[in-house]
Structures are given as C-alpha cells and as structure tokens.
Amino acid sequence: MHDTVEFEKRGVPSTTVITEAFRTAADFQFKGKGMEGHPYVKLPHPVSNLSADEMKSVTLGFVDEVAGQLKN
C-alpha cells in the first residue's frame, strides 16, 4: 500500500493486491496516507495454501480488475 501511495503521488498509476482478510488494514493505511477510498484488488483469503496452478487460476480472474485500476 505504501508503494501504491508513493507511485500515485508521482503520477504513476498503481494498485495494491491484498487478500480479503487485509481489507480493514488497507482501508486504514490508505486513509492515514490521505488516499481514503483508493481502490485495490481483493483476492480471496487464504492464498498461502494454494498450489502454483491454483494461484494462477485465482489471479487470472483478477487481471481485468488490475488493468482497469491502472488505467484510471
């Protein structure tokens, strides 16, 4: 989230990818950095137990969302 804030301040489109379990923390940190409401991509939680193929399948479902946030 901190990198996203710094990139955005410099005019570089960026986004943050988190799992659903970290939504509250993301909201809190973006608010604290003056970017309340900044969009981010939420993957299902947990992902640490997924195989590489399962993780690829999950992340491919979010490609359009990530790309859309980078265009805005």
C-alpha atoms as a PDB file:
ATOM      1  CA  MET A   1       0.000   0.000   0.000  1.00  0.00           C
ATOM      2  CA  HIS A   2       2.818   2.380   0.777  1.00  0.00           C
ATOM      3  CA  ASP A   3       4.343   1.831  -2.654  1.00  0.00           C
ATOM      4  CA  THR A   4       0.963   2.467  -4.280  1.00  0.00           C
ATOM      5  CA  VAL A   5       0.638   5.757  -2.415  1.00  0.00           C
ATOM      6  CA  GLU A   6       4.137   6.868  -3.394  1.00  0.00           C
ATOM      7  CA  PHE A   7       3.673   5.935  -7.050  1.00  0.00           C
ATOM      8  CA  GLU A   8       0.293   7.667  -7.234  1.00  0.00           C
ATOM      9  CA  LYS A   9       1.744  10.838  -5.687  1.00  0.00           C
ATOM     10  CA  ARG A  10       4.285  10.840  -8.536  1.00  0.00           C
ATOM     11  CA  GLY A  11       1.578  10.361 -11.146  1.00  0.00           C
ATOM     12  CA  VAL A  12       2.348   6.709 -11.806  1.00  0.00           C
ATOM     13  CA  PRO A  13      -0.832   4.612 -11.903  1.00  0.00           C
ATOM     14  CA  SER A  14      -0.624   1.713  -9.481  1.00  0.00           C
ATOM     15  CA  THR A  15      -2.751  -0.604  -7.440  1.00  0.00           C
ATOM     16  CA  THR A  16      -2.455  -2.846  -4.427  1.00  0.00           C
ATOM     17  CA  VAL A  17      -3.379  -6.522  -4.356  1.00  0.00           C
ATOM     18  CA  ILE A  18      -4.445  -7.929  -0.987  1.00  0.00           C
ATOM     19  CA  THR A  19      -6.466 -10.826   0.318  1.00  0.00           C
ATOM     20  CA  GLU A  20      -9.895 -10.178   1.785  1.00  0.00           C
ATOM     21  CA  ALA A  21      -8.564 -10.629   5.326  1.00  0.00           C
ATOM     22  CA  PHE A  22      -6.486  -7.449   4.990  1.00  0.00           C
ATOM     23  CA  ARG A  23      -9.259  -5.150   3.738  1.00  0.00           C
ATOM     24  CA  THR A  24      -9.629  -3.263   7.028  1.00  0.00           C
ATOM     25  CA  ALA A  25      -5.869  -2.740   7.289  1.00  0.00           C
ATOM     26  CA  ALA A  26      -5.728  -1.491   3.697  1.00  0.00           C
ATOM     27  CA  ASP A  27      -8.566   0.965   4.294  1.00  0.00           C
ATOM     28  CA  PHE A  28      -6.871   2.230   7.454  1.00  0.00           C
ATOM     29  CA  GLN A  29      -3.487   2.690   5.783  1.00  0.00           C
ATOM     30  CA  PHE A  30      -4.878   4.426   2.698  1.00  0.00           C
ATOM     31  CA  LYS A  31      -6.876   6.768   4.939  1.00  0.00           C
ATOM     32  CA  GLY A  32      -3.779   7.500   7.032  1.00  0.00           C
ATOM     33  CA  LYS A  33      -1.827   8.337   3.878  1.00  0.00           C
ATOM     34  CA  GLY A  34      -4.513  10.756   2.677  1.00  0.00           C
ATOM     35  CA  MET A  35      -5.888   8.447  -0.009  1.00  0.00           C
ATOM     36  CA  GLU A  36      -9.099   7.258   1.608  1.00  0.00           C
ATOM     37  CA  GLY A  37     -11.188   5.253  -0.816  1.00  0.00           C
ATOM     38  CA  HIS A  38      -8.299   4.406  -3.141  1.00  0.00           C
ATOM     39  CA  PRO A  39      -9.266   1.199  -4.962  1.00  0.00           C
ATOM     40  CA  TYR A  40      -7.387  -2.041  -4.526  1.00  0.00           C
ATOM     41  CA  VAL A  41      -7.830  -5.614  -5.673  1.00  0.00           C
ATOM     42  CA  LYS A  42      -9.096  -8.146  -3.137  1.00  0.00           C
ATOM     43  CA  LEU A  43      -8.235 -11.809  -3.658  1.00  0.00           C
ATOM     44  CA  PRO A  44      -9.998 -14.490  -1.621  1.00  0.00           C
ATOM     45  CA  HIS A  45      -8.320 -15.484   1.630  1.00  0.00           C
ATOM     46  CA  PRO A  46      -6.256 -17.537   2.225  1.00  0.00           C
ATOM     47  CA  VAL A  47      -3.965 -17.972  -0.746  1.00  0.00           C
ATOM     48  CA  SER A  48      -0.865 -19.254   1.038  1.00  0.00           C
ATOM     49  CA  ASN A  49      -2.106 -22.831   0.876  1.00  0.00           C
ATOM     50  CA  LEU A  50      -2.732 -22.788  -2.893  1.00  0.00           C
ATOM     51  CA  SER A  51      -0.554 -24.628  -5.364  1.00  0.00           C
ATOM     52  CA  ALA A  52       1.092 -22.636  -8.137  1.00  0.00           C
ATOM     53  CA  ASP A  53      -1.576 -23.781 -10.599  1.00  0.00           C
ATOM     54  CA  GLU A  54      -4.396 -22.848  -8.204  1.00  0.00           C
ATOM     55  CA  MET A  55      -2.834 -19.437  -7.590  1.00  0.00           C
ATOM     56  CA  LYS A  56      -2.521 -18.859 -11.316  1.00  0.00           C
ATOM     57  CA  SER A  57      -6.192 -19.704 -11.734  1.00  0.00           C
ATOM     58  CA  VAL A  58      -7.214 -17.292  -8.959  1.00  0.00           C
ATOM     59  CA  THR A  59      -5.078 -14.425 -10.201  1.00  0.00           C
ATOM     60  CA  LEU A  60      -6.161 -14.776 -13.823  1.00  0.00           C
ATOM     61  CA  GLY A  61      -9.666 -13.970 -12.605  1.00  0.00           C
ATOM     62  CA  PHE A  62      -8.467 -10.549 -11.440  1.00  0.00           C
ATOM     63  CA  VAL A  63      -6.398  -9.422 -14.444  1.00  0.00           C
ATOM     64  CA  ASP A  64      -9.150  -7.189 -15.846  1.00  0.00           C
ATOM     65  CA  GLU A  65      -9.706  -5.547 -12.451  1.00  0.00           C
ATOM     66  CA  VAL A  66      -5.997  -4.804 -12.035  1.00  0.00           C
ATOM     67  CA  ALA A  67      -5.741  -3.464 -15.584  1.00  0.00           C
ATOM     68  CA  GLY A  68      -8.797  -1.277 -15.057  1.00  0.00           C
ATOM     69  CA  GLN A  69      -7.328   0.278 -11.931  1.00  0.00           C
ATOM     70  CA  LEU A  70      -4.082   1.027 -13.724  1.00  0.00           C
ATOM     71  CA  LYS A  71      -5.942   2.864 -16.494  1.00  0.00           C
ATOM     72  CA  ASN A  72      -7.702   5.260 -14.110  1.00  0.00           C
END
